[in-house]
PDB file of N, CA and C in Angstrom:
ATOM      1  N   MET A   1       8.949 -25.339  28.542  1.00  0.00           N
ATOM      2  CA  MET A   1       9.005 -23.967  27.825  1.00  0.00           C
ATOM      3  C   MET A   1       9.428 -23.275  26.336  1.00  0.00           C
ATOM      4  N   ARG A   2       8.651 -23.049  25.712  1.00  0.00           N
ATOM      5  CA  ARG A   2       9.260 -22.920  24.175  1.00  0.00           C
ATOM      6  C   ARG A   2       9.332 -21.568  24.156  1.00  0.00           C
ATOM      7  N   ASN A   3      10.451 -20.817  23.301  1.00  0.00           N
ATOM      8  CA  ASN A   3      10.485 -19.660  22.952  1.00  0.00           C
ATOM      9  C   ASN A   3       9.948 -19.510  22.145  1.00  0.00           C
ATOM     10  N   ASN A   4       8.782 -18.636  21.956  1.00  0.00           N
ATOM     11  CA  ASN A   4       7.971 -18.912  20.160  1.00  0.00           C
ATOM     12  C   ASN A   4       8.347 -17.266  19.396  1.00  0.00           C
ATOM     13  N   GLU A   5       9.646 -16.987  20.203  1.00  0.00           N
ATOM     14  CA  GLU A   5      10.394 -15.735  19.329  1.00  0.00           C
ATOM     15  C   GLU A   5      11.360 -16.072  17.797  1.00  0.00           C
ATOM     16  N   ALA A   6      11.641 -15.592  17.314  1.00  0.00           N
ATOM     17  CA  ALA A   6      12.058 -16.232  15.824  1.00  0.00           C
ATOM     18  C   ALA A   6      13.765 -15.786  16.118  1.00  0.00           C
ATOM     19  N   ASP A   7      14.707 -16.847  16.030  1.00  0.00           N
ATOM     20  CA  ASP A   7      16.092 -16.182  16.445  1.00  0.00           C
ATOM     21  C   ASP A   7      16.819 -16.128  15.304  1.00  0.00           C
ATOM     22  N   THR A   8      16.367 -16.007  14.326  1.00  0.00           N
ATOM     23  CA  THR A   8      17.182 -15.832  12.741  1.00  0.00           C
ATOM     24  C   THR A   8      15.969 -15.222  11.851  1.00  0.00           C
ATOM     25  N   LEU A   9      16.823 -14.238  10.931  1.00  0.00           N
ATOM     26  CA  LEU A   9      15.495 -13.633  10.015  1.00  0.00           C
ATOM     27  C   LEU A   9      14.688 -14.687   9.099  1.00  0.00           C
ATOM     28  N   ASP A  10      15.153 -15.916   9.188  1.00  0.00           N
ATOM     29  CA  ASP A  10      14.383 -16.768   8.251  1.00  0.00           C
ATOM     30  C   ASP A  10      13.659 -17.491   9.112  1.00  0.00           C
ATOM     31  N   GLN A  11      13.398 -17.901  10.192  1.00  0.00           N
ATOM     32  CA  GLN A  11      12.471 -17.930  11.095  1.00  0.00           C
ATOM     33  C   GLN A  11      11.836 -17.132  11.338  1.00  0.00           C
ATOM     34  N   LEU A  12      11.409 -15.860  11.327  1.00  0.00           N
ATOM     35  CA  LEU A  12      11.111 -14.606  11.204  1.00  0.00           C
ATOM     36  C   LEU A  12       9.991 -14.498   9.827  1.00  0.00           C
ATOM     37  N   ILE A  13      10.570 -15.017   9.007  1.00  0.00           N
ATOM     38  CA  ILE A  13      10.214 -14.870   7.658  1.00  0.00           C
ATOM     39  C   ILE A  13       8.978 -16.123   7.383  1.00  0.00           C
ATOM     40  N   GLU A  14       9.291 -17.071   8.419  1.00  0.00           N
ATOM     41  CA  GLU A  14       8.600 -18.587   8.260  1.00  0.00           C
ATOM     42  C   GLU A  14       7.287 -18.333   9.214  1.00  0.00           C
ATOM     43  N   ASP A  15       7.736 -17.385  10.390  1.00  0.00           N
ATOM     44  CA  ASP A  15       6.469 -17.637  11.436  1.00  0.00           C
ATOM     45  C   ASP A  15       5.289 -16.091  10.758  1.00  0.00           C
ATOM     46  N   CYS A  16       6.227 -15.422  10.020  1.00  0.00           N
ATOM     47  CA  CYS A  16       5.283 -14.443   9.680  1.00  0.00           C
ATOM     48  C   CYS A  16       4.121 -14.823   8.453  1.00  0.00           C
ATOM     49  N   THR A  17       4.557 -16.120   7.547  1.00  0.00           N
ATOM     50  CA  THR A  17       4.203 -16.351   6.451  1.00  0.00           C
ATOM     51  C   THR A  17       3.143 -18.387   6.954  1.00  0.00           C
ATOM     52  N   GLU A  18       2.962 -18.138   8.591  1.00  0.00           N
ATOM     53  CA  GLU A  18       2.343 -18.819   8.716  1.00  0.00           C
ATOM     54  C   GLU A  18       0.451 -18.134   9.110  1.00  0.00           C
ATOM     55  N   LEU A  19      -0.300 -17.864   8.598  1.00  0.00           N
ATOM     56  CA  LEU A  19      -1.216 -17.311   9.067  1.00  0.00           C
ATOM     57  C   LEU A  19      -2.674 -18.400   9.390  1.00  0.00           C
ATOM     58  N   PRO A  20      -2.770 -18.005  10.327  1.00  0.00           N
ATOM     59  CA  PRO A  20      -4.019 -18.743  10.245  1.00  0.00           C
ATOM     60  C   PRO A  20      -4.976 -19.017   9.560  1.00  0.00           C
ATOM     61  N   GLN A  21      -5.975 -20.126   9.619  1.00  0.00           N
ATOM     62  CA  GLN A  21      -6.780 -20.262   8.239  1.00  0.00           C
ATOM     63  C   GLN A  21      -8.106 -18.955   8.300  1.00  0.00           C
ATOM     64  N   GLU A  22      -8.300 -18.675   9.806  1.00  0.00           N
ATOM     65  CA  GLU A  22      -9.579 -17.539   9.382  1.00  0.00           C
ATOM     66  C   GLU A  22      -8.668 -16.031   8.740  1.00  0.00           C
ATOM     67  N   LEU A  23      -7.718 -16.308   9.164  1.00  0.00           N
ATOM     68  CA  LEU A  23      -7.037 -15.224   8.331  1.00  0.00           C
ATOM     69  C   LEU A  23      -6.384 -14.851   6.806  1.00  0.00           C
ATOM     70  N   ARG A  24      -6.668 -16.379   6.518  1.00  0.00           N
ATOM     71  CA  ARG A  24      -6.325 -16.566   4.949  1.00  0.00           C
ATOM     72  C   ARG A  24      -7.683 -15.945   4.231  1.00  0.00           C
ATOM     73  N   SER A  25      -7.098 -15.496   2.905  1.00  0.00           N
ATOM     74  CA  SER A  25      -8.121 -14.989   1.805  1.00  0.00           C
ATOM     75  C   SER A  25      -9.017 -16.194   1.791  1.00  0.00           C
ATOM     76  N   THR A  26     -10.393 -15.772   1.234  1.00  0.00           N
ATOM     77  CA  THR A  26     -11.510 -16.904   0.435  1.00  0.00           C
ATOM     78  C   THR A  26     -10.846 -16.991  -0.892  1.00  0.00           C
ATOM     79  N   ALA A  27     -12.139 -17.660  -1.504  1.00  0.00           N
ATOM     80  CA  ALA A  27     -12.332 -17.690  -2.769  1.00  0.00           C
ATOM     81  C   ALA A  27     -12.075 -16.729  -3.679  1.00  0.00           C
ATOM     82  N   ARG A  28     -12.920 -15.559  -2.834  1.00  0.00           N
ATOM     83  CA  ARG A  28     -13.108 -14.381  -3.252  1.00  0.00           C
ATOM     84  C   ARG A  28     -12.116 -13.262  -3.898  1.00  0.00           C
ATOM     85  N   SER A  29     -12.190 -13.151  -5.080  1.00  0.00           N
ATOM     86  CA  SER A  29     -11.002 -12.336  -5.867  1.00  0.00           C
ATOM     87  C   SER A  29     -11.508 -10.844  -5.794  1.00  0.00           C
ATOM     88  N   LEU A  30     -10.310 -10.081  -5.934  1.00  0.00           N
ATOM     89  CA  LEU A  30     -10.629  -8.678  -5.611  1.00  0.00           C
ATOM     90  C   LEU A  30     -11.344  -7.921  -7.261  1.00  0.00           C
ATOM     91  N   PRO A  31     -11.893  -6.879  -6.978  1.00  0.00           N
ATOM     92  CA  PRO A  31     -12.763  -6.475  -8.293  1.00  0.00           C
ATOM     93  C   PRO A  31     -11.675  -5.947  -9.013  1.00  0.00           C
ATOM     94  N   GLU A  32     -11.942  -6.064 -10.414  1.00  0.00           N
ATOM     95  CA  GLU A  32     -10.959  -5.472 -11.552  1.00  0.00           C
ATOM     96  C   GLU A  32     -10.800  -4.163 -11.391  1.00  0.00           C
ATOM     97  N   PRO A  33     -10.357  -3.728 -11.138  1.00  0.00           N
ATOM     98  CA  PRO A  33      -9.418  -1.965 -11.154  1.00  0.00           C
ATOM     99  C   PRO A  33     -10.528  -1.358 -12.114  1.00  0.00           C
ATOM    100  N   ARG A  34     -11.232   0.011 -11.405  1.00  0.00           N
ATOM    101  CA  ARG A  34     -11.627   0.639 -12.667  1.00  0.00           C
ATOM    102  C   ARG A  34     -10.438   1.627 -14.010  1.00  0.00           C
ATOM    103  N   ALA A  35     -11.358   2.303 -14.446  1.00  0.00           N
ATOM    104  CA  ALA A  35      -9.665   2.905 -15.446  1.00  0.00           C
ATOM    105  C   ALA A  35     -10.150   4.290 -14.375  1.00  0.00           C
ATOM    106  N   ALA A  36      -9.178   5.010 -14.798  1.00  0.00           N
ATOM    107  CA  ALA A  36      -8.874   6.040 -14.183  1.00  0.00           C
ATOM    108  C   ALA A  36      -9.235   7.494 -14.585  1.00  0.00           C
ATOM    109  N   VAL A  37      -9.479   8.242 -14.009  1.00  0.00           N
ATOM    110  CA  VAL A  37     -10.891   9.302 -14.384  1.00  0.00           C
ATOM    111  C   VAL A  37      -9.602  10.315 -14.897  1.00  0.00           C
ATOM    112  N   PRO A  38      -9.639  11.037 -16.559  1.00  0.00           N
ATOM    113  CA  PRO A  38      -8.999  11.524 -16.787  1.00  0.00           C
ATOM    114  C   PRO A  38      -8.868  13.016 -15.934  1.00  0.00           C
ATOM    115  N   TRP A  39      -8.169  13.707 -15.526  1.00  0.00           N
ATOM    116  CA  TRP A  39      -8.043  15.207 -15.018  1.00  0.00           C
ATOM    117  C   TRP A  39      -7.424  16.364 -15.686  1.00  0.00           C
ATOM    118  N   GLN A  40      -7.746  17.358 -15.158  1.00  0.00           N
ATOM    119  CA  GLN A  40      -6.935  18.481 -16.036  1.00  0.00           C
ATOM    120  C   GLN A  40      -6.868  19.498 -14.779  1.00  0.00           C
ATOM    121  N   VAL A  41      -5.915  20.384 -15.088  1.00  0.00           N
ATOM    122  CA  VAL A  41      -5.131  21.630 -14.231  1.00  0.00           C
ATOM    123  C   VAL A  41      -6.415  22.452 -14.948  1.00  0.00           C
ATOM    124  N   ASP A  42      -7.097  23.294 -14.099  1.00  0.00           N
ATOM    125  CA  ASP A  42      -7.766  24.433 -14.209  1.00  0.00           C
ATOM    126  C   ASP A  42      -6.872  25.371 -13.931  1.00  0.00           C
ATOM    127  N   ASP A  43      -7.806  26.998 -13.991  1.00  0.00           N
ATOM    128  CA  ASP A  43      -7.171  28.168 -13.983  1.00  0.00           C
ATOM    129  C   ASP A  43      -6.806  28.446 -12.642  1.00  0.00           C
ATOM    130  N   ALA A  44      -7.549  27.692 -11.453  1.00  0.00           N
ATOM    131  CA  ALA A  44      -7.516  27.714 -10.144  1.00  0.00           C
ATOM    132  C   ALA A  44      -6.478  26.837  -9.842  1.00  0.00           C
ATOM    133  N   ASN A  45      -6.125  25.617 -10.043  1.00  0.00           N
ATOM    134  CA  ASN A  45      -4.768  25.321  -9.468  1.00  0.00           C
ATOM    135  C   ASN A  45      -3.611  25.749 -10.213  1.00  0.00           C
ATOM    136  N   TYR A  46      -3.472  26.093 -11.498  1.00  0.00           N
ATOM    137  CA  TYR A  46      -2.255  26.726 -12.053  1.00  0.00           C
ATOM    138  C   TYR A  46      -2.064  28.096 -11.381  1.00  0.00           C
ATOM    139  N   ALA A  47      -3.009  28.838 -10.867  1.00  0.00           N
ATOM    140  CA  ALA A  47      -2.809  30.225 -10.376  1.00  0.00           C
ATOM    141  C   ALA A  47      -2.479  29.849  -9.032  1.00  0.00           C
ATOM    142  N   GLN A  48      -2.338  28.538  -8.365  1.00  0.00           N
ATOM    143  CA  GLN A  48      -1.674  28.655  -6.673  1.00  0.00           C
ATOM    144  C   GLN A  48      -0.525  28.039  -7.189  1.00  0.00           C
ATOM    145  N   VAL A  49       0.156  27.803  -8.294  1.00  0.00           N
ATOM    146  CA  VAL A  49       1.806  27.556  -8.517  1.00  0.00           C
ATOM    147  C   VAL A  49       2.441  28.233  -9.304  1.00  0.00           C
ATOM    148  N   ALA A  50       1.301  29.076  -9.476  1.00  0.00           N
ATOM    149  CA  ALA A  50       2.090  30.388 -10.724  1.00  0.00           C
ATOM    150  C   ALA A  50       3.259  30.855 -10.118  1.00  0.00           C
ATOM    151  N   ASP A  51       3.425  31.127  -9.679  1.00  0.00           N
ATOM    152  CA  ASP A  51       4.442  31.790  -8.742  1.00  0.00           C
ATOM    153  C   ASP A  51       6.066  31.497  -7.845  1.00  0.00           C
ATOM    154  N   LEU A  52       5.567  30.182  -8.453  1.00  0.00           N
ATOM    155  CA  LEU A  52       6.371  29.060  -7.819  1.00  0.00           C
ATOM    156  C   LEU A  52       7.773  28.834  -7.789  1.00  0.00           C
ATOM    157  N   ASP A  53       8.315  29.487  -8.886  1.00  0.00           N
ATOM    158  CA  ASP A  53       9.714  30.259  -9.299  1.00  0.00           C
ATOM    159  C   ASP A  53      10.027  31.202  -8.428  1.00  0.00           C
ATOM    160  N   ALA A  54       9.227  31.961  -7.858  1.00  0.00           N
ATOM    161  CA  ALA A  54       9.788  33.354  -6.958  1.00  0.00           C
ATOM    162  C   ALA A  54      10.227  32.482  -5.711  1.00  0.00           C
ATOM    163  N   TYR A  55       8.962  31.387  -5.256  1.00  0.00           N
ATOM    164  CA  TYR A  55       9.406  30.208  -3.558  1.00  0.00           C
ATOM    165  C   TYR A  55      11.188  29.984  -4.097  1.00  0.00           C
ATOM    166  N   VAL A  56      11.283  29.232  -4.999  1.00  0.00           N
ATOM    167  CA  VAL A  56      12.287  28.034  -4.896  1.00  0.00           C
ATOM    168  C   VAL A  56      13.725  29.175  -4.716  1.00  0.00           C
TER     169      VAL A  56
END
């Protein structure tokens, strides 16, 4: 009977890096990230924290 549990941190890292083939990524790459949509604080957002100093 073989102990499948890691005894050292090195063994644990090695075990974690041995992924089965079906779980490994395929040749497909991730899509390019999109540009972030610019945002602005409007009056309604600002009103929510307008009296923040009074609470702090």
